[in-house]
Amino acid sequence: MEIKIIMGWFLLAIGLAVIGWTVNSSYRHFTAKADFPPVFNFGENNGTEKSQSLDAASLNVEAQMQLAMSQATQEAVANLLPAQEIAKLLNMIAWSMFAAFMVYAGFKIAEIGVKIIS
């Protein structure tokens, strides 16, 4: 009987510690005191090297115009939505999902501890 109560209090403490750690980490991440874990990372290469390697002299005027329009569109989109900002947003979403899971897991562990105690 004594071991069940000790185990219940231990599980309650572990569950509350998991919740506390998750809330503290989330606070640090969202107040910019710590960086989000880099789950997503987009490099500087956005696929423009292939189109730049084409020989412009071998293309006809229409193909050159299409190539120029394609490059201009890629540059405009890259300036509008920088890859690093998209990666930051995705990392924030991934952290939020992980934090929600950890809070739920901590709640369930603490709930088991409370059921054992009572």
Protein backbone atom coordinates (compact mmCIF):
# COMPACT_ATOMS: atom_id res chain seq x y z
CA MET A 1 0.00 0.00 0.00
CA GLU A 2 2.82 2.40 0.87
CA ILE A 3 4.63 1.80 -2.44
CA LYS A 4 1.49 2.69 -4.43
CA ILE A 5 1.23 6.07 -2.72
CA ILE A 6 4.93 6.79 -3.29
CA MET A 7 4.60 5.76 -6.93
CA GLY A 8 1.51 7.95 -7.31
CA TRP A 9 3.28 11.01 -5.91
CA PHE A 10 6.30 10.25 -8.10
CA LEU A 11 4.15 10.10 -11.25
CA LEU A 12 2.34 13.28 -10.25
CA ALA A 13 5.68 15.06 -9.78
CA ILE A 14 7.01 13.76 -13.12
CA GLY A 15 3.85 14.85 -14.94
CA LEU A 16 4.00 18.35 -13.43
CA ALA A 17 7.73 18.57 -14.22
CA VAL A 18 7.08 17.70 -17.89
CA ILE A 19 4.36 20.34 -18.09
CA GLY A 20 6.56 22.91 -16.34
CA TRP A 21 9.54 22.23 -18.60
CA THR A 22 7.37 22.53 -21.71
CA VAL A 23 5.79 25.81 -20.60
CA ASN A 24 9.19 27.25 -19.64
CA SER A 25 10.76 26.20 -22.96
CA SER A 26 7.84 27.61 -24.93
CA TYR A 27 8.11 30.89 -23.04
CA ARG A 28 11.83 31.10 -23.83
CA HIS A 29 11.27 30.30 -27.51
CA PHE A 30 8.40 32.73 -28.04
CA THR A 31 10.14 35.58 -26.21
CA ALA A 32 13.23 35.10 -28.43
CA LYS A 33 15.47 34.12 -25.51
CA ALA A 34 16.15 30.84 -27.31
CA ASP A 35 15.94 29.79 -30.94
CA PHE A 36 13.38 27.28 -32.10
CA PRO A 37 14.81 23.83 -32.86
CA PRO A 38 15.74 23.79 -36.56
CA VAL A 39 13.42 21.08 -37.84
CA PHE A 40 13.05 22.85 -41.19
CA ASN A 41 15.96 24.57 -42.89
CA PHE A 42 15.87 25.88 -46.42
CA GLY A 43 19.23 26.61 -47.97
CA GLU A 44 20.15 29.64 -50.01
CA ASN A 45 19.98 27.61 -53.22
CA ASN A 46 16.53 28.08 -54.70
CA GLY A 47 17.02 26.43 -58.07
CA THR A 48 18.13 29.47 -60.08
CA GLU A 49 21.57 28.03 -60.84
CA LYS A 50 20.20 25.66 -63.47
CA SER A 51 18.41 28.40 -65.38
CA GLN A 52 21.44 30.69 -65.18
CA SER A 53 23.72 28.03 -66.61
CA LEU A 54 21.86 27.97 -69.95
CA ASP A 55 23.73 29.58 -72.79
CA ALA A 56 21.76 32.71 -73.77
CA ALA A 57 23.24 32.81 -77.26
CA SER A 58 21.84 29.40 -78.15
CA LEU A 59 18.27 30.41 -77.30
CA ASN A 60 15.96 32.25 -79.66
CA VAL A 61 14.40 35.59 -78.68
CA GLU A 62 11.18 34.03 -77.40
CA ALA A 63 13.03 31.56 -75.19
CA GLN A 64 15.25 34.37 -73.87
CA MET A 65 12.14 36.38 -72.95
CA GLN A 66 10.61 33.39 -71.19
CA LEU A 67 13.85 32.79 -69.31
CA ALA A 68 14.06 36.45 -68.26
CA MET A 69 10.42 36.43 -67.10
CA SER A 70 10.96 33.22 -65.19
CA GLN A 71 14.02 34.62 -63.43
CA ALA A 72 12.22 37.87 -62.61
CA THR A 73 9.27 35.95 -61.18
CA GLN A 74 11.55 33.76 -59.07
CA GLU A 75 13.35 36.81 -57.70
CA ALA A 76 10.05 38.57 -56.90
CA VAL A 77 8.70 35.54 -55.05
CA ALA A 78 12.00 35.12 -53.18
CA ASN A 79 11.85 38.77 -52.09
CA LEU A 80 8.20 38.48 -51.08
CA LEU A 81 8.55 35.23 -49.12
CA PRO A 82 12.13 34.69 -47.97
CA ALA A 83 12.93 31.03 -47.44
CA GLN A 84 14.38 31.65 -43.98
CA GLU A 85 11.15 33.29 -42.79
CA ILE A 86 9.11 30.35 -44.03
CA ALA A 87 11.50 28.01 -42.22
CA LYS A 88 11.07 30.03 -39.00
CA LEU A 89 7.29 29.83 -39.29
CA LEU A 90 7.38 26.09 -39.89
CA ASN A 91 9.77 25.63 -36.93
CA MET A 92 7.36 27.60 -34.70
CA ILE A 93 4.46 25.44 -35.81
CA ALA A 94 6.47 22.25 -35.25
CA TRP A 95 7.47 23.41 -31.76
CA SER A 96 3.87 24.31 -30.92
CA MET A 97 2.69 20.85 -31.94
CA PHE A 98 5.46 19.20 -29.90
CA ALA A 99 4.72 21.39 -26.88
CA ALA A 100 1.01 20.56 -27.06
CA PHE A 101 1.88 16.86 -27.15
CA MET A 102 4.23 17.20 -24.17
CA VAL A 103 1.65 19.09 -22.09
CA TYR A 104 -0.91 16.40 -22.89
CA ALA A 105 1.56 13.64 -22.00
CA GLY A 106 2.46 15.38 -18.73
CA PHE A 107 -1.22 15.75 -17.91
CA LYS A 108 -1.84 12.05 -18.51
CA ILE A 109 1.16 11.03 -16.37
CA ALA A 110 -0.03 13.28 -13.55
CA GLU A 111 -3.56 11.94 -13.93
CA ILE A 112 -2.31 8.38 -13.50
CA GLY A 113 -0.44 9.49 -10.39
CA VAL A 114 -3.55 11.08 -8.91
CA LYS A 115 -5.60 7.93 -9.61
CA ILE A 116 -2.99 5.81 -7.85
CA ILE A 117 -2.94 8.12 -4.83
CA SER A 118 -6.72 8.12 -4.38
